[in-house]
C-alpha atoms as a PDB file:
ATOM      1  CA  THR A   1       0.108  -0.202  -0.039  1.00  0.00           C
ATOM      2  CA  ILE A   2       0.908   3.715  -0.312  1.00  0.00           C
ATOM      3  CA  PRO A   3       1.586   5.930   2.278  1.00  0.00           C
ATOM      4  CA  MET A   4      -1.560   8.627   2.951  1.00  0.00           C
ATOM      5  CA  MET A   5       1.230  11.522   2.929  1.00  0.00           C
ATOM      6  CA  GLU A   6       2.635   9.918  -0.820  1.00  0.00           C
ATOM      7  CA  LEU A   7      -0.974  10.056  -2.110  1.00  0.00           C
ATOM      8  CA  VAL A   8      -1.497  13.259  -0.680  1.00  0.00           C
ATOM      9  CA  SER A   9       2.081  15.003  -2.426  1.00  0.00           C
ATOM     10  CA  LEU A  10       0.395  13.872  -6.084  1.00  0.00           C
ATOM     11  CA  VAL A  11      -2.515  15.888  -5.965  1.00  0.00           C
ATOM     12  CA  PRO A  12      -0.670  19.017  -6.815  1.00  0.00           C
ATOM     13  CA  ILE A  13       1.123  16.973  -9.675  1.00  0.00           C
ATOM     14  CA  ILE A  14      -1.983  15.545 -11.014  1.00  0.00           C
ATOM     15  CA  MET A  15      -3.698  19.226 -10.841  1.00  0.00           C
ATOM     16  CA  GLY A  16      -0.885  20.941 -12.703  1.00  0.00           C
ATOM     17  CA  VAL A  17      -1.035  17.996 -15.408  1.00  0.00           C
ATOM     18  CA  CYS A  18      -4.523  18.398 -15.569  1.00  0.00           C
ATOM     19  CA  LEU A  19      -4.144  22.136 -16.101  1.00  0.00           C
ATOM     20  CA  ALA A  20      -1.234  21.793 -18.441  1.00  0.00           C
ATOM     21  CA  THR A  21      -3.192  19.607 -20.457  1.00  0.00           C
ATOM     22  CA  VAL A  22      -6.868  21.725 -20.680  1.00  0.00           C
ATOM     23  CA  SER A  23      -4.925  25.106 -21.483  1.00  0.00           C
ATOM     24  CA  HIS A  24      -2.519  23.949 -23.795  1.00  0.00           C
ATOM     25  CA  LEU A  25      -3.893  21.046 -26.394  1.00  0.00           C
ATOM     26  CA  GLU A  26      -1.082  20.991 -29.404  1.00  0.00           C
ATOM     27  CA  VAL A  27       0.837  17.867 -29.344  1.00  0.00           C
ATOM     28  CA  ASN A  28       3.777  16.682 -31.252  1.00  0.00           C
ATOM     29  CA  SER A  29       6.160  14.052 -31.769  1.00  0.00           C
ATOM     30  CA  LEU A  30       9.386  15.946 -30.371  1.00  0.00           C
ATOM     31  CA  GLY A  31       7.809  17.136 -27.276  1.00  0.00           C
ATOM     32  CA  LEU A  32       6.347  13.733 -26.376  1.00  0.00           C
ATOM     33  CA  MET A  33       9.760  12.223 -26.898  1.00  0.00           C
ATOM     34  CA  TRP A  34      11.491  14.978 -24.227  1.00  0.00           C
ATOM     35  CA  GLY A  35       8.578  14.424 -22.299  1.00  0.00           C
ATOM     36  CA  CYS A  36       9.243  10.538 -21.789  1.00  0.00           C
ATOM     37  CA  PHE A  37      12.855  11.375 -21.417  1.00  0.00           C
ATOM     38  CA  GLY A  38      12.366  13.411 -18.848  1.00  0.00           C
ATOM     39  CA  ILE A  39       9.834  11.436 -16.893  1.00  0.00           C
ATOM     40  CA  LEU A  40      12.249   8.342 -17.326  1.00  0.00           C
ATOM     41  CA  SER A  41      15.779   9.912 -16.433  1.00  0.00           C
ATOM     42  CA  THR A  42      13.698  11.930 -13.369  1.00  0.00           C
ATOM     43  CA  SER A  43      12.531   8.160 -12.173  1.00  0.00           C
ATOM     44  CA  MET A  44      15.810   6.603 -12.922  1.00  0.00           C
ATOM     45  CA  TYR A  45      17.657   9.155 -10.499  1.00  0.00           C
ATOM     46  CA  GLN A  46      15.564   8.984  -8.053  1.00  0.00           C
ATOM     47  CA  ILE A  47      15.592   5.313  -7.555  1.00  0.00           C
ATOM     48  CA  TRP A  48      19.127   5.408  -7.948  1.00  0.00           C
ATOM     49  CA  VAL A  49      19.764   8.222  -5.121  1.00  0.00           C
ATOM     50  CA  LYS A  50      17.582   6.307  -2.688  1.00  0.00           C
ATOM     51  CA  GLU A  51      19.924   2.859  -3.553  1.00  0.00           C
ATOM     52  CA  GLU A  52      23.045   4.887  -3.205  1.00  0.00           C
ATOM     53  CA  GLN A  53      21.479   6.225   0.520  1.00  0.00           C
ATOM     54  CA  LYS A  54      20.447   2.694   1.443  1.00  0.00           C
ATOM     55  CA  ARG A  55      24.259   1.745   0.212  1.00  0.00           C
ATOM     56  CA  LEU A  56      26.319   4.183   2.056  1.00  0.00           C
ATOM     57  CA  GLY A  57      23.923   4.493   5.378  1.00  0.00           C
ATOM     58  CA  CYS A  58      23.179   8.217   5.179  1.00  0.00           C
ATOM     59  CA  ASN A  59      20.758  10.649   4.677  1.00  0.00           C
ATOM     60  CA  ALA A  60      19.488  13.055   2.334  1.00  0.00           C
ATOM     61  CA  GLN A  61      21.275  16.010   3.593  1.00  0.00           C
ATOM     62  CA  GLN A  62      24.674  14.381   3.646  1.00  0.00           C
ATOM     63  CA  LEU A  63      24.550  12.599   0.155  1.00  0.00           C
ATOM     64  CA  LEU A  64      23.553  15.983  -0.855  1.00  0.00           C
ATOM     65  CA  TYR A  65      26.736  17.264   1.081  1.00  0.00           C
ATOM     66  CA  PHE A  66      29.023  14.678  -0.905  1.00  0.00           C
ATOM     67  CA  GLN A  67      27.304  14.857  -4.455  1.00  0.00           C
ATOM     68  CA  ALA A  68      26.986  18.813  -4.853  1.00  0.00           C
ATOM     69  CA  PRO A  69      30.869  19.313  -5.487  1.00  0.00           C
ATOM     70  CA  ILE A  70      30.731  16.640  -8.412  1.00  0.00           C
ATOM     71  CA  SER A  71      27.913  18.039  -9.745  1.00  0.00           C
ATOM     72  CA  THR A  72      28.923  21.849  -9.834  1.00  0.00           C
ATOM     73  CA  VAL A  73      31.943  20.429 -11.445  1.00  0.00           C
ATOM     74  CA  MET A  74      29.904  18.620 -14.133  1.00  0.00           C
ATOM     75  CA  LEU A  75      27.259  21.271 -14.646  1.00  0.00           C
ATOM     76  CA  LEU A  76      29.675  24.089 -15.276  1.00  0.00           C
ATOM     77  CA  PHE A  77      30.768  22.559 -18.515  1.00  0.00           C
ATOM     78  CA  VAL A  78      27.292  21.556 -19.313  1.00  0.00           C
ATOM     79  CA  ALA A  79      26.000  25.123 -18.767  1.00  0.00           C
ATOM     80  CA  ALA A  80      28.963  27.153 -20.231  1.00  0.00           C
ATOM     81  CA  TYR A  81      27.985  25.207 -23.603  1.00  0.00           C
ATOM     82  CA  VAL A  82      24.179  25.596 -23.583  1.00  0.00           C
ATOM     83  CA  ASP A  83      24.019  29.128 -22.523  1.00  0.00           C
ATOM     84  CA  ASP A  84      26.554  30.107 -24.595  1.00  0.00           C
ATOM     85  CA  ALA A  85      28.704  31.766 -22.008  1.00  0.00           C
ATOM     86  CA  ILE A  86      31.996  32.397 -21.809  1.00  0.00           C
ATOM     87  CA  VAL A  87      33.856  30.850 -18.485  1.00  0.00           C
END
């Protein structure tokens, strides 16, 4: 069974999806592909993070503390490329 708090947390997400669906009716294959990719990658990342927390025996804040420097270095180069910034 799913805990009640998790079900309640889904309410704003479902409302947002409904609002976006009603207010924006254009659908194309490129948007569908990116939407599916975004959902899949986010889901896989969340599962991986939970498994890493279990494996390392740490809480979310500790995991974030160790992950932040690596993420900063990785995203520094990606952001510079994507945003056309000069570093």
